[in-house]
Amino acid sequence: MRRKWALQPLKRQAILPLGTERSVFVRKTRGKRKTLLFAGILSSLLASLFLFSGTCFAEIIYSEQTDLASLEDEAELLYSYEQEELLEKAGELSEKTGFEIRLVTTEDAEGESSQVYAENYFESLTENEPGKAHGGCYLIDMDNREFYVATYGNLQYYLTDDRLDSLLDDAYDEASSGDFYGVFSEMLSDTEKFYLRGIADGTRIYDEDTGTYTYYKAPKTITPFKLATAFFSGVLAFLALFVPTLMSYGMKGKDKNDYSEKDNVSLNLIRKQDDLVNRRVTQRHIPRDNPSRGGGGGGGGSHTTTVHHTSGGYTAGGGGRKF
């Protein structure tokens, strides 16, 4: 059987003028380029916005020596090389003392005082519970125009109220002249100076919330110098009593002038009695004043540190200066 082949009609295809396809491709390519260009401009604007937005890129920088020393320049007051130098200095101080040393600047205290801001900052970084945290937060607050030091734990024994006043006085000139690197540098240097000077015997912590004192008693140590001093002091005291006594009893019996101690010594006793009539003694406790110092903390003597309880349950001391 012969097969029949049916002719199928051909589909019509549009015949475009020469160069038309290339024109369509060019138009599509140009559209993509415009989209990419717009995206690039938008990205650049956003990057510039974040770059100049102040604290967007602020971060905590830790010392190479230890994580217990850190710096966060939120207010952008320090050059990068100044940050590095301060971190190195804070790290060395932390390694020498074992204290947490936190440096921070801010231009927005979020409605808080410098004292509260410094305390909250330190407590947010420490990994130690109340009573076990030792160190301080050194703050430059551009919002309240104040620099402040918050102290915790054993640092409170080294930075007493009087010593802290001296530290703040030393840093004030730097703050008033706008040398914020100098502010941090002075405070760290004074902290190290007072640490090396040590804790004076009888230094006390005054809790202004409870009215109680905690005293520091220096441990008793025996050195060769102290031992030698005590020995020679004892020998001199013995000779001072023994020699005069020996000389006074050196004369026995009768002397050349026929003098006898036995015959010429007499003792007369007179009895006297005093009667105490209608005498009364009244004792009254006179409370001591504990005036507050500016910027948190109070006075109470050259070896006193005034502390209070924070919202986080810690016990903090400290003080600050307006500039």
C-alpha atoms as a PDB file:
ATOM      1  CA  MET A   1       0.000   0.000   0.000  1.00  0.00           C
ATOM      2  CA  ARG A   2       1.332   3.314  -0.850  1.00  0.00           C
ATOM      3  CA  ARG A   3       1.656   5.806   1.989  1.00  0.00           C
ATOM      4  CA  LYS A   4       0.223   9.210   1.555  1.00  0.00           C
ATOM      5  CA  TRP A   5       2.247  12.119   2.670  1.00  0.00           C
ATOM      6  CA  ALA A   6       0.392  15.194   3.767  1.00  0.00           C
ATOM      7  CA  LEU A   7       2.060  18.489   3.399  1.00  0.00           C
ATOM      8  CA  GLN A   8       1.889  20.517   6.633  1.00  0.00           C
ATOM      9  CA  PRO A   9       1.622  24.286   6.366  1.00  0.00           C
ATOM     10  CA  LEU A  10       4.713  26.118   7.545  1.00  0.00           C
ATOM     11  CA  LYS A  11       4.434  28.461  10.536  1.00  0.00           C
ATOM     12  CA  ARG A  12       4.975  32.034   9.733  1.00  0.00           C
ATOM     13  CA  GLN A  13       7.905  33.697  11.358  1.00  0.00           C
ATOM     14  CA  ALA A  14       8.187  37.384  11.630  1.00  0.00           C
ATOM     15  CA  ILE A  15      10.927  38.712   9.503  1.00  0.00           C
ATOM     16  CA  LEU A  16      12.645  41.577  11.370  1.00  0.00           C
ATOM     17  CA  PRO A  17      14.553  44.258   9.665  1.00  0.00           C
ATOM     18  CA  LEU A  18      18.302  43.943   9.701  1.00  0.00           C
ATOM     19  CA  GLY A  19      19.820  45.119  13.047  1.00  0.00           C
ATOM     20  CA  THR A  20      16.534  44.967  14.985  1.00  0.00           C
ATOM     21  CA  GLU A  21      17.572  42.039  17.262  1.00  0.00           C
ATOM     22  CA  ARG A  22      20.784  43.795  18.218  1.00  0.00           C
ATOM     23  CA  SER A  23      18.826  46.924  19.165  1.00  0.00           C
ATOM     24  CA  VAL A  24      16.598  44.930  21.543  1.00  0.00           C
ATOM     25  CA  PHE A  25      19.665  43.344  23.207  1.00  0.00           C
ATOM     26  CA  VAL A  26      21.293  46.738  23.676  1.00  0.00           C
ATOM     27  CA  ARG A  27      18.153  48.122  25.320  1.00  0.00           C
ATOM     28  CA  LYS A  28      18.025  45.202  27.803  1.00  0.00           C
ATOM     29  CA  THR A  29      21.723  45.597  28.669  1.00  0.00           C
ATOM     30  CA  ARG A  30      21.331  49.307  29.311  1.00  0.00           C
ATOM     31  CA  GLY A  31      18.404  48.611  31.650  1.00  0.00           C
ATOM     32  CA  LYS A  32      20.511  46.217  33.731  1.00  0.00           C
ATOM     33  CA  ARG A  33      23.349  48.726  33.927  1.00  0.00           C
ATOM     34  CA  LYS A  34      21.007  51.410  35.232  1.00  0.00           C
ATOM     35  CA  THR A  35      19.701  49.033  37.918  1.00  0.00           C
ATOM     36  CA  LEU A  36      23.209  48.110  39.044  1.00  0.00           C
ATOM     37  CA  LEU A  37      24.276  51.750  39.065  1.00  0.00           C
ATOM     38  CA  PHE A  38      21.295  52.736  41.209  1.00  0.00           C
ATOM     39  CA  ALA A  39      21.996  49.882  43.639  1.00  0.00           C
ATOM     40  CA  GLY A  40      25.637  50.944  43.903  1.00  0.00           C
ATOM     41  CA  ILE A  41      24.725  54.569  44.655  1.00  0.00           C
ATOM     42  CA  LEU A  42      22.186  53.474  47.287  1.00  0.00           C
ATOM     43  CA  SER A  43      24.744  51.199  48.955  1.00  0.00           C
ATOM     44  CA  SER A  44      27.294  54.030  49.047  1.00  0.00           C
ATOM     45  CA  LEU A  45      24.786  56.386  50.668  1.00  0.00           C
ATOM     46  CA  LEU A  46      23.875  53.838  53.319  1.00  0.00           C
ATOM     47  CA  ALA A  47      27.530  53.132  54.037  1.00  0.00           C
ATOM     48  CA  SER A  48      28.247  56.847  54.415  1.00  0.00           C
ATOM     49  CA  LEU A  49      25.250  57.238  56.710  1.00  0.00           C
ATOM     50  CA  PHE A  50      26.471  54.491  59.044  1.00  0.00           C
ATOM     51  CA  LEU A  51      30.023  55.758  58.874  1.00  0.00           C
ATOM     52  CA  PHE A  52      29.143  59.211  60.184  1.00  0.00           C
ATOM     53  CA  SER A  53      26.369  58.158  62.560  1.00  0.00           C
ATOM     54  CA  GLY A  54      28.608  58.397  65.665  1.00  0.00           C
ATOM     55  CA  THR A  55      28.472  55.217  67.720  1.00  0.00           C
ATOM     56  CA  CYS A  56      27.233  52.735  65.142  1.00  0.00           C
ATOM     57  CA  PHE A  57      30.656  51.190  64.792  1.00  0.00           C
ATOM     58  CA  ALA A  58      31.679  51.563  68.473  1.00  0.00           C
ATOM     59  CA  GLU A  59      32.857  48.284  69.931  1.00  0.00           C
ATOM     60  CA  ILE A  60      34.625  46.965  72.984  1.00  0.00           C
ATOM     61  CA  ILE A  61      38.347  46.512  72.397  1.00  0.00           C
ATOM     62  CA  TYR A  62      40.240  44.237  74.773  1.00  0.00           C
ATOM     63  CA  SER A  63      43.872  44.481  75.766  1.00  0.00           C
ATOM     64  CA  GLU A  64      46.287  41.976  74.279  1.00  0.00           C
ATOM     65  CA  GLN A  65      47.572  41.163  77.772  1.00  0.00           C
ATOM     66  CA  THR A  66      44.237  40.294  79.392  1.00  0.00           C
ATOM     67  CA  ASP A  67      40.469  40.389  78.868  1.00  0.00           C
ATOM     68  CA  LEU A  68      40.148  42.125  82.228  1.00  0.00           C
ATOM     69  CA  ALA A  69      41.217  45.390  80.553  1.00  0.00           C
ATOM     70  CA  SER A  70      39.020  46.932  77.854  1.00  0.00           C
ATOM     71  CA  LEU A  71      38.136  50.195  76.133  1.00  0.00           C
ATOM     72  CA  GLU A  72      34.969  51.358  74.359  1.00  0.00           C
ATOM     73  CA  ASP A  73      35.138  54.792  72.728  1.00  0.00           C
ATOM     74  CA  GLU A  74      31.453  55.398  72.021  1.00  0.00           C
ATOM     75  CA  ALA A  75      31.901  59.168  71.876  1.00  0.00           C
ATOM     76  CA  GLU A  76      34.851  58.858  69.444  1.00  0.00           C
ATOM     77  CA  LEU A  77      37.147  61.044  71.535  1.00  0.00           C
ATOM     78  CA  LEU A  78      40.358  59.098  70.945  1.00  0.00           C
ATOM     79  CA  TYR A  79      42.595  58.427  67.976  1.00  0.00           C
ATOM     80  CA  SER A  80      43.356  54.812  67.189  1.00  0.00           C
ATOM     81  CA  TYR A  81      46.962  55.074  68.403  1.00  0.00           C
ATOM     82  CA  GLU A  82      45.715  56.637  71.676  1.00  0.00           C
ATOM     83  CA  GLN A  83      43.353  53.719  72.152  1.00  0.00           C
ATOM     84  CA  GLU A  84      46.212  51.273  71.669  1.00  0.00           C
ATOM     85  CA  GLU A  85      48.419  53.068  74.198  1.00  0.00           C
ATOM     86  CA  LEU A  86      45.652  53.262  76.792  1.00  0.00           C
ATOM     87  CA  LEU A  87      44.789  49.589  76.324  1.00  0.00           C
ATOM     88  CA  GLU A  88      48.412  48.636  76.825  1.00  0.00           C
ATOM     89  CA  LYS A  89      48.597  50.737  79.987  1.00  0.00           C
ATOM     90  CA  ALA A  90      45.310  49.333  81.313  1.00  0.00           C
ATOM     91  CA  GLY A  91      46.435  45.801  80.515  1.00  0.00           C
ATOM     92  CA  GLU A  92      49.701  46.216  82.415  1.00  0.00           C
ATOM     93  CA  LEU A  93      47.849  47.656  85.410  1.00  0.00           C
ATOM     94  CA  SER A  94      45.326  44.814  85.348  1.00  0.00           C
ATOM     95  CA  GLU A  95      48.035  42.150  85.193  1.00  0.00           C
ATOM     96  CA  LYS A  96      49.912  43.780  88.081  1.00  0.00           C
ATOM     97  CA  THR A  97      46.872  44.176  90.339  1.00  0.00           C
ATOM     98  CA  GLY A  98      44.405  41.527  89.182  1.00  0.00           C
ATOM     99  CA  PHE A  99      41.725  44.227  88.877  1.00  0.00           C
ATOM    100  CA  GLU A 100      39.226  44.687  86.058  1.00  0.00           C
ATOM    101  CA  ILE A 101      40.031  47.983  84.324  1.00  0.00           C
ATOM    102  CA  ARG A 102      37.183  49.243  82.101  1.00  0.00           C
ATOM    103  CA  LEU A 103      37.598  52.448  80.070  1.00  0.00           C
ATOM    104  CA  VAL A 104      34.566  53.924  78.318  1.00  0.00           C
ATOM    105  CA  THR A 105      33.402  57.192  76.716  1.00  0.00           C
ATOM    106  CA  THR A 106      29.831  58.099  75.853  1.00  0.00           C
ATOM    107  CA  GLU A 107      27.888  60.980  74.371  1.00  0.00           C
ATOM    108  CA  ASP A 108      24.501  59.555  75.393  1.00  0.00           C
ATOM    109  CA  ALA A 109      24.103  58.515  79.024  1.00  0.00           C
ATOM    110  CA  GLU A 110      20.529  57.408  78.298  1.00  0.00           C
ATOM    111  CA  GLY A 111      19.120  59.740  80.928  1.00  0.00           C
ATOM    112  CA  GLU A 112      21.320  58.354  83.698  1.00  0.00           C
ATOM    113  CA  SER A 113      23.869  60.129  85.868  1.00  0.00           C
ATOM    114  CA  SER A 114      27.554  59.482  85.280  1.00  0.00           C
ATOM    115  CA  GLN A 115      27.675  57.440  88.477  1.00  0.00           C
ATOM    116  CA  VAL A 116      24.844  55.115  87.455  1.00  0.00           C
ATOM    117  CA  TYR A 117      26.145  54.810  83.878  1.00  0.00           C
ATOM    118  CA  ALA A 118      29.642  53.816  85.062  1.00  0.00           C
ATOM    119  CA  GLU A 119      28.275  51.306  87.559  1.00  0.00           C
ATOM    120  CA  ASN A 120      25.906  49.719  85.050  1.00  0.00           C
ATOM    121  CA  TYR A 121      28.696  49.495  82.477  1.00  0.00           C
ATOM    122  CA  PHE A 122      31.124  47.768  84.827  1.00  0.00           C
ATOM    123  CA  GLU A 123      28.510  45.339  86.103  1.00  0.00           C
ATOM    124  CA  SER A 124      27.448  44.452  82.546  1.00  0.00           C
ATOM    125  CA  LEU A 125      31.003  43.347  81.694  1.00  0.00           C
ATOM    126  CA  THR A 126      32.145  41.614  84.861  1.00  0.00           C
ATOM    127  CA  GLU A 127      31.684  37.876  85.129  1.00  0.00           C
ATOM    128  CA  ASN A 128      31.968  37.973  88.929  1.00  0.00           C
ATOM    129  CA  GLU A 129      29.114  38.052  91.399  1.00  0.00           C
ATOM    130  CA  PRO A 130      28.602  40.814  93.974  1.00  0.00           C
ATOM    131  CA  GLY A 131      31.325  40.641  96.584  1.00  0.00           C
ATOM    132  CA  LYS A 132      33.759  38.940  94.191  1.00  0.00           C
ATOM    133  CA  ALA A 133      34.249  41.692  91.599  1.00  0.00           C
ATOM    134  CA  HIS A 134      37.391  43.805  91.990  1.00  0.00           C
ATOM    135  CA  GLY A 135      38.293  46.756  89.796  1.00  0.00           C
ATOM    136  CA  GLY A 136      36.927  49.979  88.408  1.00  0.00           C
ATOM    137  CA  CYS A 137      35.184  51.729  85.538  1.00  0.00           C
ATOM    138  CA  TYR A 138      36.805  54.926  84.228  1.00  0.00           C
ATOM    139  CA  LEU A 139      34.199  56.979  82.348  1.00  0.00           C
ATOM    140  CA  ILE A 140      34.252  60.167  80.274  1.00  0.00           C
ATOM    141  CA  ASP A 141      30.617  61.254  79.941  1.00  0.00           C
ATOM    142  CA  MET A 142      30.117  63.940  77.286  1.00  0.00           C
ATOM    143  CA  ASP A 143      26.356  63.938  77.876  1.00  0.00           C
ATOM    144  CA  ASN A 144      26.656  65.034  81.519  1.00  0.00           C
ATOM    145  CA  ARG A 145      30.071  66.708  80.946  1.00  0.00           C
ATOM    146  CA  GLU A 146      31.645  64.692  83.754  1.00  0.00           C
ATOM    147  CA  PHE A 147      34.401  62.123  84.162  1.00  0.00           C
ATOM    148  CA  TYR A 148      33.811  59.480  86.812  1.00  0.00           C
ATOM    149  CA  VAL A 149      35.514  56.517  88.485  1.00  0.00           C
ATOM    150  CA  ALA A 150      33.452  53.676  89.974  1.00  0.00           C
ATOM    151  CA  THR A 151      35.368  51.327  92.297  1.00  0.00           C
ATOM    152  CA  TYR A 152      34.624  47.752  93.353  1.00  0.00           C
ATOM    153  CA  GLY A 153      36.066  45.214  95.780  1.00  0.00           C
ATOM    154  CA  ASN A 154      39.677  45.532  96.874  1.00  0.00           C
ATOM    155  CA  LEU A 155      40.273  48.614  94.725  1.00  0.00           C
ATOM    156  CA  GLN A 156      38.167  50.516  97.264  1.00  0.00           C
ATOM    157  CA  TYR A 157      40.899  50.014  99.894  1.00  0.00           C
ATOM    158  CA  TYR A 158      43.522  51.558  97.607  1.00  0.00           C
ATOM    159  CA  LEU A 159      41.377  54.420  96.264  1.00  0.00           C
ATOM    160  CA  THR A 160      40.080  55.922  99.486  1.00  0.00           C
ATOM    161  CA  ASP A 161      37.983  59.091  99.400  1.00  0.00           C
ATOM    162  CA  ASP A 162      41.019  61.348  99.816  1.00  0.00           C
ATOM    163  CA  ARG A 163      43.113  59.467  97.273  1.00  0.00           C
ATOM    164  CA  LEU A 164      40.255  59.513  94.799  1.00  0.00           C
ATOM    165  CA  ASP A 165      39.912  63.277  95.220  1.00  0.00           C
ATOM    166  CA  SER A 166      43.610  63.623  94.426  1.00  0.00           C
ATOM    167  CA  LEU A 167      43.202  61.432  91.332  1.00  0.00           C
ATOM    168  CA  LEU A 168      40.262  63.501  90.076  1.00  0.00           C
ATOM    169  CA  ASP A 169      42.139  66.750  90.703  1.00  0.00           C
ATOM    170  CA  ASP A 170      45.078  65.506  88.639  1.00  0.00           C
ATOM    171  CA  ALA A 171      42.810  64.619  85.709  1.00  0.00           C
ATOM    172  CA  TYR A 172      40.692  67.768  85.814  1.00  0.00           C
ATOM    173  CA  ASP A 173      43.153  70.012  83.974  1.00  0.00           C
ATOM    174  CA  GLU A 174      43.328  67.493  81.136  1.00  0.00           C
ATOM    175  CA  ALA A 175      39.535  67.301  80.892  1.00  0.00           C
ATOM    176  CA  SER A 176      39.029  71.060  80.907  1.00  0.00           C
ATOM    177  CA  SER A 177      41.498  71.422  78.032  1.00  0.00           C
ATOM    178  CA  GLY A 178      39.866  68.669  75.991  1.00  0.00           C
ATOM    179  CA  ASP A 179      42.754  66.216  76.311  1.00  0.00           C
ATOM    180  CA  PHE A 180      40.691  63.078  76.912  1.00  0.00           C
ATOM    181  CA  TYR A 181      43.619  60.761  76.359  1.00  0.00           C
ATOM    182  CA  GLY A 182      45.328  62.656  79.168  1.00  0.00           C
ATOM    183  CA  VAL A 183      42.303  62.169  81.433  1.00  0.00           C
ATOM    184  CA  PHE A 184      42.479  58.392  81.142  1.00  0.00           C
ATOM    185  CA  SER A 185      46.272  58.391  81.359  1.00  0.00           C
ATOM    186  CA  GLU A 186      46.320  60.450  84.572  1.00  0.00           C
ATOM    187  CA  MET A 187      43.663  58.303  86.230  1.00  0.00           C
ATOM    188  CA  LEU A 188      45.451  55.058  85.372  1.00  0.00           C
ATOM    189  CA  SER A 189      48.815  56.435  86.529  1.00  0.00           C
ATOM    190  CA  ASP A 190      47.383  57.576  89.860  1.00  0.00           C
ATOM    191  CA  THR A 191      45.639  54.241  90.371  1.00  0.00           C
ATOM    192  CA  GLU A 192      48.968  52.454  89.920  1.00  0.00           C
ATOM    193  CA  LYS A 193      50.703  54.960  92.228  1.00  0.00           C
ATOM    194  CA  PHE A 194      48.228  54.388  95.049  1.00  0.00           C
ATOM    195  CA  TYR A 195      48.345  50.635  94.525  1.00  0.00           C
ATOM    196  CA  LEU A 196      52.119  50.642  94.941  1.00  0.00           C
ATOM    197  CA  ARG A 197      51.770  52.861  98.002  1.00  0.00           C
ATOM    198  CA  GLY A 198      49.635  50.145  99.568  1.00  0.00           C
ATOM    199  CA  ILE A 199      46.793  50.068 102.077  1.00  0.00           C
ATOM    200  CA  ALA A 200      47.283  52.032 105.275  1.00  0.00           C
ATOM    201  CA  ASP A 201      46.630  50.120 108.489  1.00  0.00           C
ATOM    202  CA  GLY A 202      43.181  51.004 109.789  1.00  0.00           C
ATOM    203  CA  THR A 203      41.717  51.850 106.376  1.00  0.00           C
ATOM    204  CA  ARG A 204      37.963  51.427 106.573  1.00  0.00           C
ATOM    205  CA  ILE A 205      35.008  51.024 104.239  1.00  0.00           C
ATOM    206  CA  TYR A 206      31.963  53.037 105.268  1.00  0.00           C
ATOM    207  CA  ASP A 207      28.631  51.747 103.937  1.00  0.00           C
ATOM    208  CA  GLU A 208      26.388  54.797 103.850  1.00  0.00           C
ATOM    209  CA  ASP A 209      23.288  52.634 103.302  1.00  0.00           C
ATOM    210  CA  THR A 210      23.744  50.599 106.491  1.00  0.00           C
ATOM    211  CA  GLY A 211      25.970  52.930 108.529  1.00  0.00           C
ATOM    212  CA  THR A 212      28.533  50.180 109.152  1.00  0.00           C
ATOM    213  CA  TYR A 213      32.330  50.173 108.909  1.00  0.00           C
ATOM    214  CA  THR A 214      34.682  47.448 107.702  1.00  0.00           C
ATOM    215  CA  TYR A 215      38.261  47.841 108.889  1.00  0.00           C
ATOM    216  CA  TYR A 216      41.466  46.647 107.305  1.00  0.00           C
ATOM    217  CA  LYS A 217      44.129  45.301 109.647  1.00  0.00           C
ATOM    218  CA  ALA A 218      47.621  45.000 108.244  1.00  0.00           C
ATOM    219  CA  PRO A 219      49.127  41.527 108.794  1.00  0.00           C
ATOM    220  CA  LYS A 220      51.840  41.335 111.427  1.00  0.00           C
ATOM    221  CA  THR A 221      55.187  40.362 109.961  1.00  0.00           C
ATOM    222  CA  ILE A 222      58.567  39.713 111.603  1.00  0.00           C
ATOM    223  CA  THR A 223      61.603  40.810 109.637  1.00  0.00           C
ATOM    224  CA  PRO A 224      65.302  40.542 110.609  1.00  0.00           C
ATOM    225  CA  PHE A 225      65.388  44.307 111.084  1.00  0.00           C
ATOM    226  CA  LYS A 226      62.383  44.244 113.418  1.00  0.00           C
ATOM    227  CA  LEU A 227      63.868  41.318 115.341  1.00  0.00           C
ATOM    228  CA  ALA A 228      67.236  43.058 115.799  1.00  0.00           C
ATOM    229  CA  THR A 229      65.533  46.290 116.836  1.00  0.00           C
ATOM    230  CA  ALA A 230      63.456  44.495 119.452  1.00  0.00           C
ATOM    231  CA  PHE A 231      66.503  42.657 120.832  1.00  0.00           C
ATOM    232  CA  PHE A 232      68.658  45.763 121.269  1.00  0.00           C
ATOM    233  CA  SER A 233      65.738  47.729 122.681  1.00  0.00           C
ATOM    234  CA  GLY A 234      65.244  45.028 125.293  1.00  0.00           C
ATOM    235  CA  VAL A 235      68.932  45.016 126.203  1.00  0.00           C
ATOM    236  CA  LEU A 236      68.990  48.795 126.635  1.00  0.00           C
ATOM    237  CA  ALA A 237      65.842  48.741 128.751  1.00  0.00           C
ATOM    238  CA  PHE A 238      67.324  46.042 130.982  1.00  0.00           C
ATOM    239  CA  LEU A 239      70.591  47.927 131.464  1.00  0.00           C
ATOM    240  CA  ALA A 240      68.704  51.179 132.174  1.00  0.00           C
ATOM    241  CA  LEU A 241      67.005  49.484 135.149  1.00  0.00           C
ATOM    242  CA  PHE A 242      69.688  47.069 136.297  1.00  0.00           C
ATOM    243  CA  VAL A 243      72.715  49.368 136.474  1.00  0.00           C
ATOM    244  CA  PRO A 244      71.139  52.090 138.685  1.00  0.00           C
ATOM    245  CA  THR A 245      69.662  49.445 140.958  1.00  0.00           C
ATOM    246  CA  LEU A 246      72.990  47.664 141.287  1.00  0.00           C
ATOM    247  CA  MET A 247      74.767  50.901 142.135  1.00  0.00           C
ATOM    248  CA  SER A 248      72.203  51.870 144.773  1.00  0.00           C
ATOM    249  CA  TYR A 249      72.618  48.559 146.588  1.00  0.00           C
ATOM    250  CA  GLY A 250      76.364  48.417 146.199  1.00  0.00           C
ATOM    251  CA  MET A 251      76.988  49.848 149.708  1.00  0.00           C
ATOM    252  CA  LYS A 252      76.843  47.132 152.432  1.00  0.00           C
ATOM    253  CA  GLY A 253      77.149  47.418 156.212  1.00  0.00           C
ATOM    254  CA  LYS A 254      78.694  50.588 157.467  1.00  0.00           C
ATOM    255  CA  ASP A 255      80.717  52.935 155.384  1.00  0.00           C
ATOM    256  CA  LYS A 256      83.802  54.882 156.346  1.00  0.00           C
ATOM    257  CA  ASN A 257      81.651  57.490 158.091  1.00  0.00           C
ATOM    258  CA  ASP A 258      80.054  54.808 160.269  1.00  0.00           C
ATOM    259  CA  TYR A 259      76.769  55.082 158.348  1.00  0.00           C
ATOM    260  CA  SER A 260      74.363  52.166 158.605  1.00  0.00           C
ATOM    261  CA  GLU A 261      71.394  51.861 156.298  1.00  0.00           C
ATOM    262  CA  LYS A 262      69.685  49.586 158.791  1.00  0.00           C
ATOM    263  CA  ASP A 263      69.919  52.121 161.587  1.00  0.00           C
ATOM    264  CA  ASN A 264      68.892  55.143 159.528  1.00  0.00           C
ATOM    265  CA  VAL A 265      65.954  53.829 157.540  1.00  0.00           C
ATOM    266  CA  SER A 266      62.444  54.407 158.848  1.00  0.00           C
ATOM    267  CA  LEU A 267      58.974  54.039 157.349  1.00  0.00           C
ATOM    268  CA  ASN A 268      55.966  56.101 158.350  1.00  0.00           C
ATOM    269  CA  LEU A 269      52.498  55.125 157.017  1.00  0.00           C
ATOM    270  CA  ILE A 270      49.601  57.554 157.132  1.00  0.00           C
ATOM    271  CA  ARG A 271      46.109  56.290 156.426  1.00  0.00           C
ATOM    272  CA  LYS A 272      43.981  58.543 154.238  1.00  0.00           C
ATOM    273  CA  GLN A 273      40.452  57.849 152.990  1.00  0.00           C
ATOM    274  CA  ASP A 274      38.454  59.692 150.348  1.00  0.00           C
ATOM    275  CA  ASP A 275      34.699  59.289 150.314  1.00  0.00           C
ATOM    276  CA  LEU A 276      32.783  59.562 146.988  1.00  0.00           C
ATOM    277  CA  VAL A 277      29.401  61.147 147.694  1.00  0.00           C
ATOM    278  CA  ASN A 278      26.509  61.751 145.210  1.00  0.00           C
ATOM    279  CA  ARG A 279      28.575  61.439 142.006  1.00  0.00           C
ATOM    280  CA  ARG A 280      26.821  60.465 138.773  1.00  0.00           C
ATOM    281  CA  VAL A 281      28.312  59.773 135.326  1.00  0.00           C
ATOM    282  CA  THR A 282      26.171  60.122 132.211  1.00  0.00           C
ATOM    283  CA  GLN A 283      27.331  58.673 128.892  1.00  0.00           C
ATOM    284  CA  ARG A 284      25.782  59.701 125.583  1.00  0.00           C
ATOM    285  CA  HIS A 285      26.680  58.430 122.111  1.00  0.00           C
ATOM    286  CA  ILE A 286      27.448  61.274 119.711  1.00  0.00           C
ATOM    287  CA  PRO A 287      26.996  60.122 116.086  1.00  0.00           C
ATOM    288  CA  ARG A 288      29.717  61.077 113.638  1.00  0.00           C
ATOM    289  CA  ASP A 289      28.889  63.058 110.562  1.00  0.00           C
ATOM    290  CA  ASN A 290      29.642  61.510 107.164  1.00  0.00           C
ATOM    291  CA  PRO A 291      29.276  64.317 104.647  1.00  0.00           C
ATOM    292  CA  SER A 292      28.756  63.285 101.036  1.00  0.00           C
ATOM    293  CA  ARG A 293      31.319  64.053  98.385  1.00  0.00           C
ATOM    294  CA  GLY A 294      30.408  65.357  94.988  1.00  0.00           C
ATOM    295  CA  GLY A 295      29.705  62.717  92.380  1.00  0.00           C
ATOM    296  CA  GLY A 296      28.848  59.942  94.812  1.00  0.00           C
ATOM    297  CA  GLY A 297      30.698  58.866  97.896  1.00  0.00           C
ATOM    298  CA  GLY A 298      31.359  60.456 101.236  1.00  0.00           C
ATOM    299  CA  GLY A 299      34.092  61.564 103.528  1.00  0.00           C
ATOM    300  CA  GLY A 300      35.174  60.257 106.872  1.00  0.00           C
ATOM    301  CA  GLY A 301      38.916  60.617 107.188  1.00  0.00           C
ATOM    302  CA  SER A 302      42.027  60.179 105.133  1.00  0.00           C
ATOM    303  CA  HIS A 303      41.745  56.381 105.258  1.00  0.00           C
ATOM    304  CA  THR A 304      38.019  56.013 104.610  1.00  0.00           C
ATOM    305  CA  THR A 305      36.189  54.872 101.479  1.00  0.00           C
ATOM    306  CA  THR A 306      32.466  55.564 101.261  1.00  0.00           C
ATOM    307  CA  VAL A 307      30.392  53.004  99.372  1.00  0.00           C
ATOM    308  CA  HIS A 308      26.745  52.353  98.525  1.00  0.00           C
ATOM    309  CA  HIS A 309      24.615  49.557  97.102  1.00  0.00           C
ATOM    310  CA  THR A 310      23.903  49.607  93.354  1.00  0.00           C
ATOM    311  CA  SER A 311      20.775  48.494  91.538  1.00  0.00           C
ATOM    312  CA  GLY A 312      22.636  45.376  90.437  1.00  0.00           C
ATOM    313  CA  GLY A 313      23.293  44.259  94.015  1.00  0.00           C
ATOM    314  CA  TYR A 314      26.963  45.282  94.075  1.00  0.00           C
ATOM    315  CA  THR A 315      28.730  47.579  96.534  1.00  0.00           C
ATOM    316  CA  ALA A 316      30.442  50.464  94.738  1.00  0.00           C
ATOM    317  CA  GLY A 317      32.450  53.509  95.663  1.00  0.00           C
ATOM    318  CA  GLY A 318      33.753  56.298  93.500  1.00  0.00           C
ATOM    319  CA  GLY A 319      33.505  59.934  92.529  1.00  0.00           C
ATOM    320  CA  GLY A 320      33.628  62.341  89.605  1.00  0.00           C
ATOM    321  CA  ARG A 321      34.264  65.892  88.382  1.00  0.00           C
ATOM    322  CA  LYS A 322      32.247  68.130  86.114  1.00  0.00           C
ATOM    323  CA  PHE A 323      34.179  69.854  83.340  1.00  0.00           C
END
